[in-house]
Amino acid sequence: MLFAADKGDINTIIGGIAPDWGPFGSLGNEAKVMVEVVMAVAILLCLAIAVWGAAKQRIGATALRDTFSAEQGKGLIIAGLTGVFIIGSLGTLFTIVYGMAV
């Protein structure tokens, strides 16, 4: 029997959204964990906004025949996905800005 997630652990999942600390490597472990948790919660919130927007667009466009609700749904989808992209890029952006200042 072959297990697909044989070698993975929670650090593999969290490591995907955790920033590359770069110049902020001197932060304590507790501070790093807090930043990672805040980023994970923010990403989940943005994804929930995108899902809510998709539902609002689908319900507004088909069941209610409400074009305004469908347009609001599109806006929520875009806002949620943009938030995920920005939060995912924060570590890189901070490192670039820090590097330009030094």
PDB file of N, CA and C in Angstrom:
ATOM      1  N   MET A   1       0.842  -1.165   0.000  1.00  0.00           N
ATOM      2  CA  MET A   1       0.000   0.000   0.000  1.00  0.00           C
ATOM      3  C   MET A   1       0.896   1.239   0.000  1.00  0.00           C
ATOM      4  N   LEU A   2       0.554   2.217  -0.821  1.00  0.00           N
ATOM      5  CA  LEU A   2       1.323   3.449  -0.939  1.00  0.00           C
ATOM      6  C   LEU A   2       0.477   4.618  -0.451  1.00  0.00           C
ATOM      7  N   PHE A   3       0.991   5.350   0.525  1.00  0.00           N
ATOM      8  CA  PHE A   3       0.284   6.512   1.039  1.00  0.00           C
ATOM      9  C   PHE A   3       0.754   7.759   0.304  1.00  0.00           C
ATOM     10  N   ALA A   4      -0.189   8.544  -0.208  1.00  0.00           N
ATOM     11  CA  ALA A   4       0.162   9.735  -0.980  1.00  0.00           C
ATOM     12  C   ALA A   4       0.793  10.806  -0.091  1.00  0.00           C
ATOM     13  N   ALA A   5       0.323  10.934   1.137  1.00  0.00           N
ATOM     14  CA  ALA A   5       0.834  11.970   2.036  1.00  0.00           C
ATOM     15  C   ALA A   5       1.784  11.364   3.060  1.00  0.00           C
ATOM     16  N   ASP A   6       2.555  10.431   2.618  1.00  0.00           N
ATOM     17  CA  ASP A   6       3.429   9.674   3.501  1.00  0.00           C
ATOM     18  C   ASP A   6       4.442  10.546   4.229  1.00  0.00           C
ATOM     19  N   LYS A   7       5.088  11.478   3.526  1.00  0.00           N
ATOM     20  CA  LYS A   7       6.180  12.248   4.112  1.00  0.00           C
ATOM     21  C   LYS A   7       5.757  13.646   4.536  1.00  0.00           C
ATOM     22  N   GLY A   8       4.531  14.049   4.284  1.00  0.00           N
ATOM     23  CA  GLY A   8       4.097  15.407   4.581  1.00  0.00           C
ATOM     24  C   GLY A   8       3.694  15.582   6.032  1.00  0.00           C
ATOM     25  N   ASP A   9       3.727  16.817   6.464  1.00  0.00           N
ATOM     26  CA  ASP A   9       3.225  17.165   7.779  1.00  0.00           C
ATOM     27  C   ASP A   9       2.608  18.557   7.696  1.00  0.00           C
ATOM     28  N   ILE A  10       2.174  19.091   8.826  1.00  0.00           N
ATOM     29  CA  ILE A  10       1.490  20.377   8.823  1.00  0.00           C
ATOM     30  C   ILE A  10       2.418  21.505   8.366  1.00  0.00           C
ATOM     31  N   ASN A  11       3.720  21.358   8.578  1.00  0.00           N
ATOM     32  CA  ASN A  11       4.659  22.392   8.147  1.00  0.00           C
ATOM     33  C   ASN A  11       4.710  22.510   6.629  1.00  0.00           C
ATOM     34  N   THR A  12       4.428  21.426   5.928  1.00  0.00           N
ATOM     35  CA  THR A  12       4.377  21.485   4.475  1.00  0.00           C
ATOM     36  C   THR A  12       3.224  22.371   4.023  1.00  0.00           C
ATOM     37  N   ILE A  13       2.091  22.258   4.694  1.00  0.00           N
ATOM     38  CA  ILE A  13       0.921  23.063   4.332  1.00  0.00           C
ATOM     39  C   ILE A  13       1.119  24.511   4.742  1.00  0.00           C
ATOM     40  N   ILE A  14       1.514  24.727   5.995  1.00  0.00           N
ATOM     41  CA  ILE A  14       1.691  26.091   6.486  1.00  0.00           C
ATOM     42  C   ILE A  14       2.858  26.765   5.786  1.00  0.00           C
ATOM     43  N   GLY A  15       3.882  26.017   5.442  1.00  0.00           N
ATOM     44  CA  GLY A  15       5.050  26.581   4.776  1.00  0.00           C
ATOM     45  C   GLY A  15       4.725  27.182   3.429  1.00  0.00           C
ATOM     46  N   GLY A  16       3.613  26.776   2.833  1.00  0.00           N
ATOM     47  CA  GLY A  16       3.221  27.334   1.541  1.00  0.00           C
ATOM     48  C   GLY A  16       2.766  28.774   1.640  1.00  0.00           C
ATOM     49  N   ILE A  17       2.187  29.171   2.771  1.00  0.00           N
ATOM     50  CA  ILE A  17       1.736  30.547   2.908  1.00  0.00           C
ATOM     51  C   ILE A  17       2.632  31.365   3.827  1.00  0.00           C
ATOM     52  N   ALA A  18       3.539  30.698   4.521  1.00  0.00           N
ATOM     53  CA  ALA A  18       4.448  31.424   5.405  1.00  0.00           C
ATOM     54  C   ALA A  18       5.448  32.195   4.552  1.00  0.00           C
ATOM     55  N   PRO A  19       5.736  33.412   4.931  1.00  0.00           N
ATOM     56  CA  PRO A  19       6.661  34.206   4.126  1.00  0.00           C
ATOM     57  C   PRO A  19       8.091  33.708   4.265  1.00  0.00           C
ATOM     58  N   ASP A  20       8.895  34.019   3.260  1.00  0.00           N
ATOM     59  CA  ASP A  20      10.329  33.796   3.355  1.00  0.00           C
ATOM     60  C   ASP A  20      10.850  34.969   4.178  1.00  0.00           C
ATOM     61  N   TRP A  21      11.317  34.709   5.376  1.00  0.00           N
ATOM     62  CA  TRP A  21      11.512  35.780   6.360  1.00  0.00           C
ATOM     63  C   TRP A  21      12.590  36.763   5.966  1.00  0.00           C
ATOM     64  N   GLY A  22      13.582  36.368   5.219  1.00  0.00           N
ATOM     65  CA  GLY A  22      14.607  37.295   4.742  1.00  0.00           C
ATOM     66  C   GLY A  22      15.165  38.173   5.851  1.00  0.00           C
ATOM     67  N   PRO A  23      15.019  39.485   5.721  1.00  0.00           N
ATOM     68  CA  PRO A  23      15.589  40.397   6.717  1.00  0.00           C
ATOM     69  C   PRO A  23      14.891  40.342   8.074  1.00  0.00           C
ATOM     70  N   PHE A  24      13.725  39.728   8.122  1.00  0.00           N
ATOM     71  CA  PHE A  24      12.983  39.650   9.375  1.00  0.00           C
ATOM     72  C   PHE A  24      13.234  38.328  10.087  1.00  0.00           C
ATOM     73  N   GLY A  25      14.298  37.652   9.733  1.00  0.00           N
ATOM     74  CA  GLY A  25      14.630  36.367  10.332  1.00  0.00           C
ATOM     75  C   GLY A  25      14.951  36.447  11.810  1.00  0.00           C
ATOM     76  N   SER A  26      15.221  37.638  12.312  1.00  0.00           N
ATOM     77  CA  SER A  26      15.571  37.783  13.723  1.00  0.00           C
ATOM     78  C   SER A  26      14.345  37.808  14.628  1.00  0.00           C
ATOM     79  N   LEU A  27      13.140  37.758  14.046  1.00  0.00           N
ATOM     80  CA  LEU A  27      11.936  37.699  14.875  1.00  0.00           C
ATOM     81  C   LEU A  27      11.936  36.406  15.691  1.00  0.00           C
ATOM     82  N   GLY A  28      11.339  36.450  16.837  1.00  0.00           N
ATOM     83  CA  GLY A  28      11.224  35.249  17.659  1.00  0.00           C
ATOM     84  C   GLY A  28      10.248  34.259  17.046  1.00  0.00           C
ATOM     85  N   ASN A  29      10.301  33.020  17.502  1.00  0.00           N
ATOM     86  CA  ASN A  29       9.415  31.982  16.972  1.00  0.00           C
ATOM     87  C   ASN A  29       7.949  32.302  17.209  1.00  0.00           C
ATOM     88  N   GLU A  30       7.640  32.876  18.384  1.00  0.00           N
ATOM     89  CA  GLU A  30       6.248  33.201  18.685  1.00  0.00           C
ATOM     90  C   GLU A  30       5.713  34.264  17.725  1.00  0.00           C
ATOM     91  N   ALA A  31       6.550  35.255  17.420  1.00  0.00           N
ATOM     92  CA  ALA A  31       6.132  36.311  16.489  1.00  0.00           C
ATOM     93  C   ALA A  31       5.916  35.741  15.093  1.00  0.00           C
ATOM     94  N   LYS A  32       6.788  34.838  14.675  1.00  0.00           N
ATOM     95  CA  LYS A  32       6.637  34.216  13.355  1.00  0.00           C
ATOM     96  C   LYS A  32       5.340  33.420  13.275  1.00  0.00           C
ATOM     97  N   VAL A  33       5.049  32.658  14.326  1.00  0.00           N
ATOM     98  CA  VAL A  33       3.823  31.861  14.335  1.00  0.00           C
ATOM     99  C   VAL A  33       2.603  32.776  14.300  1.00  0.00           C
ATOM    100  N   MET A  34       2.644  33.872  15.051  1.00  0.00           N
ATOM    101  CA  MET A  34       1.513  34.813  15.041  1.00  0.00           C
ATOM    102  C   MET A  34       1.304  35.408  13.653  1.00  0.00           C
ATOM    103  N   VAL A  35       2.384  35.794  12.979  1.00  0.00           N
ATOM    104  CA  VAL A  35       2.261  36.345  11.625  1.00  0.00           C
ATOM    105  C   VAL A  35       1.691  35.289  10.687  1.00  0.00           C
ATOM    106  N   GLU A  36       2.150  34.054  10.790  1.00  0.00           N
ATOM    107  CA  GLU A  36       1.637  32.986   9.935  1.00  0.00           C
ATOM    108  C   GLU A  36       0.161  32.727  10.195  1.00  0.00           C
ATOM    109  N   VAL A  37      -0.250  32.746  11.456  1.00  0.00           N
ATOM    110  CA  VAL A  37      -1.661  32.507  11.787  1.00  0.00           C
ATOM    111  C   VAL A  37      -2.531  33.646  11.253  1.00  0.00           C
ATOM    112  N   VAL A  38      -2.078  34.881  11.433  1.00  0.00           N
ATOM    113  CA  VAL A  38      -2.842  36.027  10.926  1.00  0.00           C
ATOM    114  C   VAL A  38      -2.959  35.952   9.405  1.00  0.00           C
ATOM    115  N   MET A  39      -1.867  35.595   8.730  1.00  0.00           N
ATOM    116  CA  MET A  39      -1.924  35.474   7.269  1.00  0.00           C
ATOM    117  C   MET A  39      -2.870  34.350   6.842  1.00  0.00           C
ATOM    118  N   ALA A  40      -2.849  33.228   7.542  1.00  0.00           N
ATOM    119  CA  ALA A  40      -3.728  32.108   7.200  1.00  0.00           C
ATOM    120  C   ALA A  40      -5.188  32.484   7.399  1.00  0.00           C
ATOM    121  N   VAL A  41      -5.494  33.171   8.501  1.00  0.00           N
ATOM    122  CA  VAL A  41      -6.877  33.597   8.751  1.00  0.00           C
ATOM    123  C   VAL A  41      -7.323  34.600   7.695  1.00  0.00           C
ATOM    124  N   ALA A  42      -6.436  35.522   7.332  1.00  0.00           N
ATOM    125  CA  ALA A  42      -6.790  36.512   6.311  1.00  0.00           C
ATOM    126  C   ALA A  42      -7.029  35.849   4.958  1.00  0.00           C
ATOM    127  N   ILE A  43      -6.228  34.857   4.621  1.00  0.00           N
ATOM    128  CA  ILE A  43      -6.425  34.149   3.349  1.00  0.00           C
ATOM    129  C   ILE A  43      -7.751  33.392   3.368  1.00  0.00           C
ATOM    130  N   LEU A  44      -8.062  32.743   4.483  1.00  0.00           N
ATOM    131  CA  LEU A  44      -9.347  32.038   4.582  1.00  0.00           C
ATOM    132  C   LEU A  44     -10.517  33.005   4.486  1.00  0.00           C
ATOM    133  N   LEU A  45     -10.383  34.173   5.094  1.00  0.00           N
ATOM    134  CA  LEU A  45     -11.432  35.190   5.013  1.00  0.00           C
ATOM    135  C   LEU A  45     -11.611  35.670   3.580  1.00  0.00           C
ATOM    136  N   CYS A  46     -10.513  35.903   2.885  1.00  0.00           N
ATOM    137  CA  CYS A  46     -10.613  36.341   1.484  1.00  0.00           C
ATOM    138  C   CYS A  46     -11.223  35.257   0.600  1.00  0.00           C
ATOM    139  N   LEU A  47     -10.861  34.002   0.845  1.00  0.00           N
ATOM    140  CA  LEU A  47     -11.470  32.913   0.079  1.00  0.00           C
ATOM    141  C   LEU A  47     -12.959  32.791   0.377  1.00  0.00           C
ATOM    142  N   ALA A  48     -13.344  33.018   1.636  1.00  0.00           N
ATOM    143  CA  ALA A  48     -14.766  32.982   1.984  1.00  0.00           C
ATOM    144  C   ALA A  48     -15.519  34.106   1.274  1.00  0.00           C
ATOM    145  N   ILE A  49     -14.903  35.277   1.159  1.00  0.00           N
ATOM    146  CA  ILE A  49     -15.530  36.382   0.427  1.00  0.00           C
ATOM    147  C   ILE A  49     -15.704  36.015  -1.037  1.00  0.00           C
ATOM    148  N   ALA A  50     -14.688  35.369  -1.623  1.00  0.00           N
ATOM    149  CA  ALA A  50     -14.784  34.962  -3.026  1.00  0.00           C
ATOM    150  C   ALA A  50     -15.881  33.916  -3.226  1.00  0.00           C
ATOM    151  N   VAL A  51     -15.996  32.972  -2.301  1.00  0.00           N
ATOM    152  CA  VAL A  51     -17.043  31.950  -2.401  1.00  0.00           C
ATOM    153  C   VAL A  51     -18.421  32.587  -2.234  1.00  0.00           C
ATOM    154  N   TRP A  52     -18.549  33.515  -1.293  1.00  0.00           N
ATOM    155  CA  TRP A  52     -19.816  34.227  -1.100  1.00  0.00           C
ATOM    156  C   TRP A  52     -20.174  34.995  -2.374  1.00  0.00           C
ATOM    157  N   GLY A  53     -19.189  35.616  -2.998  1.00  0.00           N
ATOM    158  CA  GLY A  53     -19.431  36.332  -4.248  1.00  0.00           C
ATOM    159  C   GLY A  53     -19.872  35.403  -5.364  1.00  0.00           C
ATOM    160  N   ALA A  54     -19.261  34.221  -5.431  1.00  0.00           N
ATOM    161  CA  ALA A  54     -19.660  33.253  -6.463  1.00  0.00           C
ATOM    162  C   ALA A  54     -21.098  32.795  -6.246  1.00  0.00           C
ATOM    163  N   ALA A  55     -21.454  32.554  -4.990  1.00  0.00           N
ATOM    164  CA  ALA A  55     -22.829  32.145  -4.692  1.00  0.00           C
ATOM    165  C   ALA A  55     -23.806  33.278  -5.009  1.00  0.00           C
ATOM    166  N   LYS A  56     -23.428  34.491  -4.643  1.00  0.00           N
ATOM    167  CA  LYS A  56     -24.302  35.637  -4.891  1.00  0.00           C
ATOM    168  C   LYS A  56     -24.482  35.869  -6.389  1.00  0.00           C
ATOM    169  N   GLN A  57     -23.408  35.688  -7.135  1.00  0.00           N
ATOM    170  CA  GLN A  57     -23.507  35.853  -8.591  1.00  0.00           C
ATOM    171  C   GLN A  57     -24.387  34.772  -9.196  1.00  0.00           C
ATOM    172  N   ARG A  58     -24.201  33.547  -8.761  1.00  0.00           N
ATOM    173  CA  ARG A  58     -24.975  32.429  -9.309  1.00  0.00           C
ATOM    174  C   ARG A  58     -26.458  32.566  -8.970  1.00  0.00           C
ATOM    175  N   ILE A  59     -26.763  32.861  -7.718  1.00  0.00           N
ATOM    176  CA  ILE A  59     -28.162  33.001  -7.305  1.00  0.00           C
ATOM    177  C   ILE A  59     -28.794  34.221  -7.964  1.00  0.00           C
ATOM    178  N   GLY A  60     -28.055  35.319  -8.016  1.00  0.00           N
ATOM    179  CA  GLY A  60     -28.602  36.538  -8.607  1.00  0.00           C
ATOM    180  C   GLY A  60     -28.833  36.421 -10.098  1.00  0.00           C
ATOM    181  N   ALA A  61     -27.959  35.694 -10.784  1.00  0.00           N
ATOM    182  CA  ALA A  61     -28.074  35.597 -12.242  1.00  0.00           C
ATOM    183  C   ALA A  61     -29.137  34.595 -12.669  1.00  0.00           C
ATOM    184  N   THR A  62     -29.349  33.532 -11.898  1.00  0.00           N
ATOM    185  CA  THR A  62     -30.266  32.490 -12.361  1.00  0.00           C
ATOM    186  C   THR A  62     -31.615  32.526 -11.650  1.00  0.00           C
ATOM    187  N   ALA A  63     -31.597  32.395 -10.335  1.00  0.00           N
ATOM    188  CA  ALA A  63     -32.860  32.232  -9.603  1.00  0.00           C
ATOM    189  C   ALA A  63     -33.641  33.536  -9.497  1.00  0.00           C
ATOM    190  N   LEU A  64     -32.943  34.609  -9.191  1.00  0.00           N
ATOM    191  CA  LEU A  64     -33.644  35.863  -8.942  1.00  0.00           C
ATOM    192  C   LEU A  64     -33.728  36.777 -10.162  1.00  0.00           C
ATOM    193  N   ARG A  65     -32.961  36.499 -11.173  1.00  0.00           N
ATOM    194  CA  ARG A  65     -32.881  37.354 -12.373  1.00  0.00           C
ATOM    195  C   ARG A  65     -32.537  38.795 -11.979  1.00  0.00           C
ATOM    196  N   ASP A  66     -31.634  38.910 -11.010  1.00  0.00           N
ATOM    197  CA  ASP A  66     -31.240  40.210 -10.483  1.00  0.00           C
ATOM    198  C   ASP A  66     -29.825  40.521 -10.969  1.00  0.00           C
ATOM    199  N   THR A  67     -29.691  41.404 -11.938  1.00  0.00           N
ATOM    200  CA  THR A  67     -28.377  41.707 -12.499  1.00  0.00           C
ATOM    201  C   THR A  67     -27.505  42.473 -11.507  1.00  0.00           C
ATOM    202  N   PHE A  68     -28.123  43.278 -10.649  1.00  0.00           N
ATOM    203  CA  PHE A  68     -27.336  44.022  -9.659  1.00  0.00           C
ATOM    204  C   PHE A  68     -26.660  43.065  -8.683  1.00  0.00           C
ATOM    205  N   SER A  69     -27.362  42.049  -8.246  1.00  0.00           N
ATOM    206  CA  SER A  69     -26.782  41.060  -7.340  1.00  0.00           C
ATOM    207  C   SER A  69     -25.660  40.285  -8.026  1.00  0.00           C
ATOM    208  N   ALA A  70     -25.848  39.991  -9.296  1.00  0.00           N
ATOM    209  CA  ALA A  70     -24.810  39.284 -10.048  1.00  0.00           C
ATOM    210  C   ALA A  70     -23.554  40.146 -10.174  1.00  0.00           C
ATOM    211  N   GLU A  71     -23.727  41.443 -10.390  1.00  0.00           N
ATOM    212  CA  GLU A  71     -22.576  42.341 -10.490  1.00  0.00           C
ATOM    213  C   GLU A  71     -21.875  42.473  -9.142  1.00  0.00           C
ATOM    214  N   GLN A  72     -22.632  42.510  -8.054  1.00  0.00           N
ATOM    215  CA  GLN A  72     -22.024  42.541  -6.725  1.00  0.00           C
ATOM    216  C   GLN A  72     -21.216  41.266  -6.485  1.00  0.00           C
ATOM    217  N   GLY A  73     -21.740  40.152  -6.940  1.00  0.00           N
ATOM    218  CA  GLY A  73     -21.026  38.882  -6.805  1.00  0.00           C
ATOM    219  C   GLY A  73     -19.701  38.896  -7.530  1.00  0.00           C
ATOM    220  N   LYS A  74     -19.676  39.468  -8.736  1.00  0.00           N
ATOM    221  CA  LYS A  74     -18.422  39.562  -9.484  1.00  0.00           C
ATOM    222  C   LYS A  74     -17.409  40.405  -8.716  1.00  0.00           C
ATOM    223  N   GLY A  75     -17.880  41.504  -8.152  1.00  0.00           N
ATOM    224  CA  GLY A  75     -16.986  42.361  -7.373  1.00  0.00           C
ATOM    225  C   GLY A  75     -16.413  41.652  -6.161  1.00  0.00           C
ATOM    226  N   LEU A  76     -17.251  40.853  -5.481  1.00  0.00           N
ATOM    227  CA  LEU A  76     -16.774  40.104  -4.317  1.00  0.00           C
ATOM    228  C   LEU A  76     -15.757  39.037  -4.710  1.00  0.00           C
ATOM    229  N   ILE A  77     -15.976  38.375  -5.840  1.00  0.00           N
ATOM    230  CA  ILE A  77     -15.021  37.372  -6.317  1.00  0.00           C
ATOM    231  C   ILE A  77     -13.672  38.025  -6.588  1.00  0.00           C
ATOM    232  N   ILE A  78     -13.689  39.132  -7.297  1.00  0.00           N
ATOM    233  CA  ILE A  78     -12.444  39.825  -7.637  1.00  0.00           C
ATOM    234  C   ILE A  78     -11.748  40.316  -6.371  1.00  0.00           C
ATOM    235  N   ALA A  79     -12.522  40.891  -5.444  1.00  0.00           N
ATOM    236  CA  ALA A  79     -11.931  41.403  -4.205  1.00  0.00           C
ATOM    237  C   ALA A  79     -11.313  40.270  -3.380  1.00  0.00           C
ATOM    238  N   GLY A  80     -11.996  39.160  -3.274  1.00  0.00           N
ATOM    239  CA  GLY A  80     -11.482  38.042  -2.494  1.00  0.00           C
ATOM    240  C   GLY A  80     -10.212  37.454  -3.079  1.00  0.00           C
ATOM    241  N   LEU A  81     -10.190  37.238  -4.386  1.00  0.00           N
ATOM    242  CA  LEU A  81      -9.006  36.661  -5.020  1.00  0.00           C
ATOM    243  C   LEU A  81      -7.835  37.636  -5.025  1.00  0.00           C
ATOM    244  N   THR A  82      -8.125  38.935  -5.160  1.00  0.00           N
ATOM    245  CA  THR A  82      -7.066  39.938  -5.090  1.00  0.00           C
ATOM    246  C   THR A  82      -6.467  39.964  -3.684  1.00  0.00           C
ATOM    247  N   GLY A  83      -7.313  39.859  -2.676  1.00  0.00           N
ATOM    248  CA  GLY A  83      -6.817  39.805  -1.302  1.00  0.00           C
ATOM    249  C   GLY A  83      -5.907  38.611  -1.068  1.00  0.00           C
ATOM    250  N   VAL A  84      -6.278  37.448  -1.599  1.00  0.00           N
ATOM    251  CA  VAL A  84      -5.436  36.260  -1.456  1.00  0.00           C
ATOM    252  C   VAL A  84      -4.082  36.492  -2.111  1.00  0.00           C
ATOM    253  N   PHE A  85      -4.079  37.087  -3.302  1.00  0.00           N
ATOM    254  CA  PHE A  85      -2.823  37.354  -4.008  1.00  0.00           C
ATOM    255  C   PHE A  85      -1.954  38.332  -3.225  1.00  0.00           C
ATOM    256  N   ILE A  86      -2.551  39.399  -2.721  1.00  0.00           N
ATOM    257  CA  ILE A  86      -1.776  40.410  -1.990  1.00  0.00           C
ATOM    258  C   ILE A  86      -1.204  39.829  -0.702  1.00  0.00           C
ATOM    259  N   ILE A  87      -2.007  39.085   0.039  1.00  0.00           N
ATOM    260  CA  ILE A  87      -1.528  38.498   1.288  1.00  0.00           C
ATOM    261  C   ILE A  87      -0.426  37.479   1.007  1.00  0.00           C
ATOM    262  N   GLY A  88      -0.588  36.710  -0.047  1.00  0.00           N
ATOM    263  CA  GLY A  88       0.442  35.744  -0.415  1.00  0.00           C
ATOM    264  C   GLY A  88       1.742  36.383  -0.851  1.00  0.00           C
ATOM    265  N   SER A  89       1.684  37.624  -1.321  1.00  0.00           N
ATOM    266  CA  SER A  89       2.866  38.334  -1.800  1.00  0.00           C
ATOM    267  C   SER A  89       3.513  39.220  -0.746  1.00  0.00           C
ATOM    268  N   LEU A  90       2.917  39.339   0.421  1.00  0.00           N
ATOM    269  CA  LEU A  90       3.433  40.279   1.421  1.00  0.00           C
ATOM    270  C   LEU A  90       4.885  40.011   1.809  1.00  0.00           C
ATOM    271  N   GLY A  91       5.249  38.762   2.002  1.00  0.00           N
ATOM    272  CA  GLY A  91       6.631  38.450   2.366  1.00  0.00           C
ATOM    273  C   GLY A  91       7.609  38.916   1.318  1.00  0.00           C
ATOM    274  N   THR A  92       7.282  38.699   0.056  1.00  0.00           N
ATOM    275  CA  THR A  92       8.148  39.146  -1.032  1.00  0.00           C
ATOM    276  C   THR A  92       8.199  40.660  -1.103  1.00  0.00           C
ATOM    277  N   LEU A  93       7.042  41.308  -0.965  1.00  0.00           N
ATOM    278  CA  LEU A  93       7.015  42.768  -1.034  1.00  0.00           C
ATOM    279  C   LEU A  93       7.829  43.403   0.089  1.00  0.00           C
ATOM    280  N   PHE A  94       7.693  42.882   1.309  1.00  0.00           N
ATOM    281  CA  PHE A  94       8.471  43.423   2.430  1.00  0.00           C
ATOM    282  C   PHE A  94       9.963  43.241   2.205  1.00  0.00           C
ATOM    283  N   THR A  95      10.351  42.085   1.675  1.00  0.00           N
ATOM    284  CA  THR A  95      11.779  41.834   1.421  1.00  0.00           C
ATOM    285  C   THR A  95      12.308  42.790   0.356  1.00  0.00           C
ATOM    286  N   ILE A  96      11.542  43.042  -0.695  1.00  0.00           N
ATOM    287  CA  ILE A  96      11.977  43.956  -1.751  1.00  0.00           C
ATOM    288  C   ILE A  96      12.102  45.378  -1.210  1.00  0.00           C
ATOM    289  N   VAL A  97      11.099  45.826  -0.470  1.00  0.00           N
ATOM    290  CA  VAL A  97      11.137  47.173   0.076  1.00  0.00           C
ATOM    291  C   VAL A  97      12.298  47.329   1.049  1.00  0.00           C
ATOM    292  N   TYR A  98      12.531  46.323   1.883  1.00  0.00           N
ATOM    293  CA  TYR A  98      13.642  46.369   2.825  1.00  0.00           C
ATOM    294  C   TYR A  98      14.969  46.409   2.074  1.00  0.00           C
ATOM    295  N   GLY A  99      15.083  45.607   1.034  1.00  0.00           N
ATOM    296  CA  GLY A  99      16.309  45.577   0.236  1.00  0.00           C
ATOM    297  C   GLY A  99      16.576  46.899  -0.472  1.00  0.00           C
ATOM    298  N   MET A 100      15.529  47.586  -0.899  1.00  0.00           N
ATOM    299  CA  MET A 100      15.715  48.872  -1.557  1.00  0.00           C
ATOM    300  C   MET A 100      16.128  49.950  -0.554  1.00  0.00           C
ATOM    301  N   ALA A 101      15.714  49.788   0.704  1.00  0.00           N
ATOM    302  CA  ALA A 101      16.033  50.796   1.716  1.00  0.00           C
ATOM    303  C   ALA A 101      17.457  50.642   2.246  1.00  0.00           C
ATOM    304  N   VAL A 102      18.009  49.460   2.132  1.00  0.00           N
ATOM    305  CA  VAL A 102      19.365  49.237   2.691  1.00  0.00           C
ATOM    306  C   VAL A 102      20.434  49.711   1.772  1.00  0.00           C
TER     307      VAL A 102
END
